[in-house]
């Protein structure tokens, strides 16, 4: 049996060991960003509210993907693809939400329903 395919650099049976302190720190950041998201809803920033909420969601999604899904320790290209996908998703959702606001003023209010008296 040939050992041509064995390589010490690619040890597929052993995962990356993440220190508990790092995971607790990332968890604390996620809690902070959740509190920030809720706090921003109490401040009227106009159209910037949706962009701030989407930006915080991108950061939180990237933190979860990079640290809890261990993409941080995988190929850097995979982490870049993840963060880029989240950014594009936030931009597409933000533009869609801005566009729906333009059409809401053209929608007539629903008719009022009068109770039937007999």
C-alpha atoms as a PDB file:
ATOM      1  CA  UNK A   1       0.000   0.000   0.000  1.00  0.00           C
ATOM      2  CA  UNK A   2       1.462   3.348  -1.011  1.00  0.00           C
ATOM      3  CA  UNK A   3       1.513   6.320   1.347  1.00  0.00           C
ATOM      4  CA  UNK A   4       1.641   8.827  -1.503  1.00  0.00           C
ATOM      5  CA  UNK A   5      -1.574  10.518  -0.408  1.00  0.00           C
ATOM      6  CA  UNK A   6      -0.644  11.072   3.219  1.00  0.00           C
ATOM      7  CA  UNK A   7       0.233  14.633   4.074  1.00  0.00           C
ATOM      8  CA  UNK A   8       0.727  16.128   7.520  1.00  0.00           C
ATOM      9  CA  UNK A   9      -0.663  19.487   6.353  1.00  0.00           C
ATOM     10  CA  UNK A  10      -4.123  18.038   5.656  1.00  0.00           C
ATOM     11  CA  UNK A  11      -5.165  16.298   8.832  1.00  0.00           C
ATOM     12  CA  UNK A  12      -8.892  15.849   8.146  1.00  0.00           C
ATOM     13  CA  UNK A  13      -9.665  13.963  11.344  1.00  0.00           C
ATOM     14  CA  UNK A  14      -8.749  16.794  13.724  1.00  0.00           C
ATOM     15  CA  UNK A  15     -10.758  20.012  13.912  1.00  0.00           C
ATOM     16  CA  UNK A  16      -9.618  23.429  14.984  1.00  0.00           C
ATOM     17  CA  UNK A  17      -9.732  23.967  18.738  1.00  0.00           C
ATOM     18  CA  UNK A  18     -11.138  27.397  19.558  1.00  0.00           C
ATOM     19  CA  UNK A  19     -10.438  28.855  22.997  1.00  0.00           C
ATOM     20  CA  UNK A  20     -13.548  29.267  25.138  1.00  0.00           C
ATOM     21  CA  UNK A  21     -12.554  32.871  25.909  1.00  0.00           C
ATOM     22  CA  UNK A  22     -12.728  33.732  22.195  1.00  0.00           C
ATOM     23  CA  UNK A  23     -16.152  32.126  21.833  1.00  0.00           C
ATOM     24  CA  UNK A  24     -17.434  33.988  24.902  1.00  0.00           C
ATOM     25  CA  UNK A  25     -16.035  37.244  23.470  1.00  0.00           C
ATOM     26  CA  UNK A  26     -17.793  36.654  20.134  1.00  0.00           C
ATOM     27  CA  UNK A  27     -20.993  35.818  22.025  1.00  0.00           C
ATOM     28  CA  UNK A  28     -20.668  39.093  23.963  1.00  0.00           C
ATOM     29  CA  UNK A  29     -20.240  40.978  20.672  1.00  0.00           C
ATOM     30  CA  UNK A  30     -23.367  39.312  19.290  1.00  0.00           C
ATOM     31  CA  UNK A  31     -25.324  40.349  22.390  1.00  0.00           C
ATOM     32  CA  UNK A  32     -23.962  43.903  22.051  1.00  0.00           C
ATOM     33  CA  UNK A  33     -25.013  44.111  18.406  1.00  0.00           C
ATOM     34  CA  UNK A  34     -28.465  42.739  19.293  1.00  0.00           C
ATOM     35  CA  UNK A  35     -28.894  45.455  21.926  1.00  0.00           C
ATOM     36  CA  UNK A  36     -27.646  48.010  19.379  1.00  0.00           C
ATOM     37  CA  UNK A  37     -30.234  46.826  16.851  1.00  0.00           C
ATOM     38  CA  UNK A  38     -33.038  47.225  19.385  1.00  0.00           C
ATOM     39  CA  UNK A  39     -31.716  50.632  20.523  1.00  0.00           C
ATOM     40  CA  UNK A  40     -31.631  51.953  16.954  1.00  0.00           C
ATOM     41  CA  UNK A  41     -35.333  51.190  16.562  1.00  0.00           C
ATOM     42  CA  UNK A  42     -36.103  53.784  19.256  1.00  0.00           C
ATOM     43  CA  UNK A  43     -34.253  56.540  17.349  1.00  0.00           C
ATOM     44  CA  UNK A  44     -35.817  57.921  14.179  1.00  0.00           C
ATOM     45  CA  UNK A  45     -33.023  58.215  11.638  1.00  0.00           C
ATOM     46  CA  UNK A  46     -35.305  58.103   8.625  1.00  0.00           C
ATOM     47  CA  UNK A  47     -34.087  55.880   5.793  1.00  0.00           C
ATOM     48  CA  UNK A  48     -30.806  55.257   7.636  1.00  0.00           C
ATOM     49  CA  UNK A  49     -32.580  52.961  10.124  1.00  0.00           C
ATOM     50  CA  UNK A  50     -32.882  50.131   7.617  1.00  0.00           C
ATOM     51  CA  UNK A  51     -29.261  50.491   6.517  1.00  0.00           C
ATOM     52  CA  UNK A  52     -28.005  50.435  10.091  1.00  0.00           C
ATOM     53  CA  UNK A  53     -30.129  47.375  10.867  1.00  0.00           C
ATOM     54  CA  UNK A  54     -28.885  45.590   7.750  1.00  0.00           C
ATOM     55  CA  UNK A  55     -25.273  46.543   8.527  1.00  0.00           C
ATOM     56  CA  UNK A  56     -25.552  45.141  12.035  1.00  0.00           C
ATOM     57  CA  UNK A  57     -27.156  41.975  10.626  1.00  0.00           C
ATOM     58  CA  UNK A  58     -24.247  41.562   8.199  1.00  0.00           C
ATOM     59  CA  UNK A  59     -21.718  41.917  11.012  1.00  0.00           C
ATOM     60  CA  UNK A  60     -23.590  39.440  13.208  1.00  0.00           C
ATOM     61  CA  UNK A  61     -23.952  36.936  10.365  1.00  0.00           C
ATOM     62  CA  UNK A  62     -20.277  37.255   9.516  1.00  0.00           C
ATOM     63  CA  UNK A  63     -19.264  36.692  13.153  1.00  0.00           C
ATOM     64  CA  UNK A  64     -21.409  33.566  13.397  1.00  0.00           C
ATOM     65  CA  UNK A  65     -20.104  32.200  10.113  1.00  0.00           C
ATOM     66  CA  UNK A  66     -16.472  33.023  10.759  1.00  0.00           C
ATOM     67  CA  UNK A  67     -16.172  31.881  14.365  1.00  0.00           C
ATOM     68  CA  UNK A  68     -18.997  29.484  15.242  1.00  0.00           C
ATOM     69  CA  UNK A  69     -18.890  27.770  11.835  1.00  0.00           C
ATOM     70  CA  UNK A  70     -15.058  27.934  11.858  1.00  0.00           C
ATOM     71  CA  UNK A  71     -14.730  29.646   8.479  1.00  0.00           C
ATOM     72  CA  UNK A  72     -12.112  31.896  10.082  1.00  0.00           C
ATOM     73  CA  UNK A  73      -9.716  28.960  10.192  1.00  0.00           C
ATOM     74  CA  UNK A  74     -10.642  27.604   6.778  1.00  0.00           C
ATOM     75  CA  UNK A  75      -9.393  28.959   3.476  1.00  0.00           C
ATOM     76  CA  UNK A  76      -9.479  32.802   3.528  1.00  0.00           C
ATOM     77  CA  UNK A  77     -11.324  32.702   0.234  1.00  0.00           C
ATOM     78  CA  UNK A  78     -14.315  30.954   1.879  1.00  0.00           C
ATOM     79  CA  UNK A  79     -14.559  33.656   4.556  1.00  0.00           C
ATOM     80  CA  UNK A  80     -14.336  36.360   1.904  1.00  0.00           C
ATOM     81  CA  UNK A  81     -17.122  34.734  -0.089  1.00  0.00           C
ATOM     82  CA  UNK A  82     -19.322  34.525   3.032  1.00  0.00           C
ATOM     83  CA  UNK A  83     -18.863  38.186   3.987  1.00  0.00           C
ATOM     84  CA  UNK A  84     -19.310  39.324   0.371  1.00  0.00           C
ATOM     85  CA  UNK A  85     -22.531  37.303   0.052  1.00  0.00           C
ATOM     86  CA  UNK A  86     -23.907  38.895   3.243  1.00  0.00           C
ATOM     87  CA  UNK A  87     -23.024  42.376   1.983  1.00  0.00           C
ATOM     88  CA  UNK A  88     -24.718  41.807  -1.371  1.00  0.00           C
ATOM     89  CA  UNK A  89     -27.778  40.353   0.368  1.00  0.00           C
ATOM     90  CA  UNK A  90     -28.012  43.431   2.618  1.00  0.00           C
ATOM     91  CA  UNK A  91     -27.700  45.763  -0.376  1.00  0.00           C
ATOM     92  CA  UNK A  92     -30.347  43.893  -2.360  1.00  0.00           C
ATOM     93  CA  UNK A  93     -32.795  43.815   0.556  1.00  0.00           C
ATOM     94  CA  UNK A  94     -32.143  47.491   1.335  1.00  0.00           C
ATOM     95  CA  UNK A  95     -32.735  48.597  -2.239  1.00  0.00           C
ATOM     96  CA  UNK A  96     -35.903  46.475  -2.422  1.00  0.00           C
ATOM     97  CA  UNK A  97     -37.255  48.024   0.768  1.00  0.00           C
ATOM     98  CA  UNK A  98     -36.485  51.530  -0.466  1.00  0.00           C
ATOM     99  CA  UNK A  99     -38.322  50.756  -3.703  1.00  0.00           C
ATOM    100  CA  UNK A 100     -41.453  49.467  -1.968  1.00  0.00           C
ATOM    101  CA  UNK A 101     -41.717  52.750  -0.064  1.00  0.00           C
ATOM    102  CA  UNK A 102     -42.122  54.562  -3.377  1.00  0.00           C
ATOM    103  CA  UNK A 103     -45.199  52.550  -4.318  1.00  0.00           C
ATOM    104  CA  UNK A 104     -47.059  52.721  -0.999  1.00  0.00           C
ATOM    105  CA  UNK A 105     -48.385  56.232  -1.574  1.00  0.00           C
ATOM    106  CA  UNK A 106     -50.112  55.070  -4.794  1.00  0.00           C
ATOM    107  CA  UNK A 107     -52.037  52.292  -3.066  1.00  0.00           C
ATOM    108  CA  UNK A 108     -55.564  53.440  -2.125  1.00  0.00           C
ATOM    109  CA  UNK A 109     -56.771  52.695   1.395  1.00  0.00           C
ATOM    110  CA  UNK A 110     -59.027  49.674   1.771  1.00  0.00           C
ATOM    111  CA  UNK A 111     -62.771  50.383   1.642  1.00  0.00           C
ATOM    112  CA  UNK A 112     -64.546  50.617   4.939  1.00  0.00           C
ATOM    113  CA  UNK A 113     -66.975  47.840   5.663  1.00  0.00           C
ATOM    114  CA  UNK A 114     -70.333  48.936   7.049  1.00  0.00           C
ATOM    115  CA  UNK A 115     -72.147  46.501   9.302  1.00  0.00           C
ATOM    116  CA  UNK A 116     -75.331  45.085   7.896  1.00  0.00           C
ATOM    117  CA  UNK A 117     -78.348  46.200   9.892  1.00  0.00           C
ATOM    118  CA  UNK A 118     -81.573  44.422   9.490  1.00  0.00           C
END
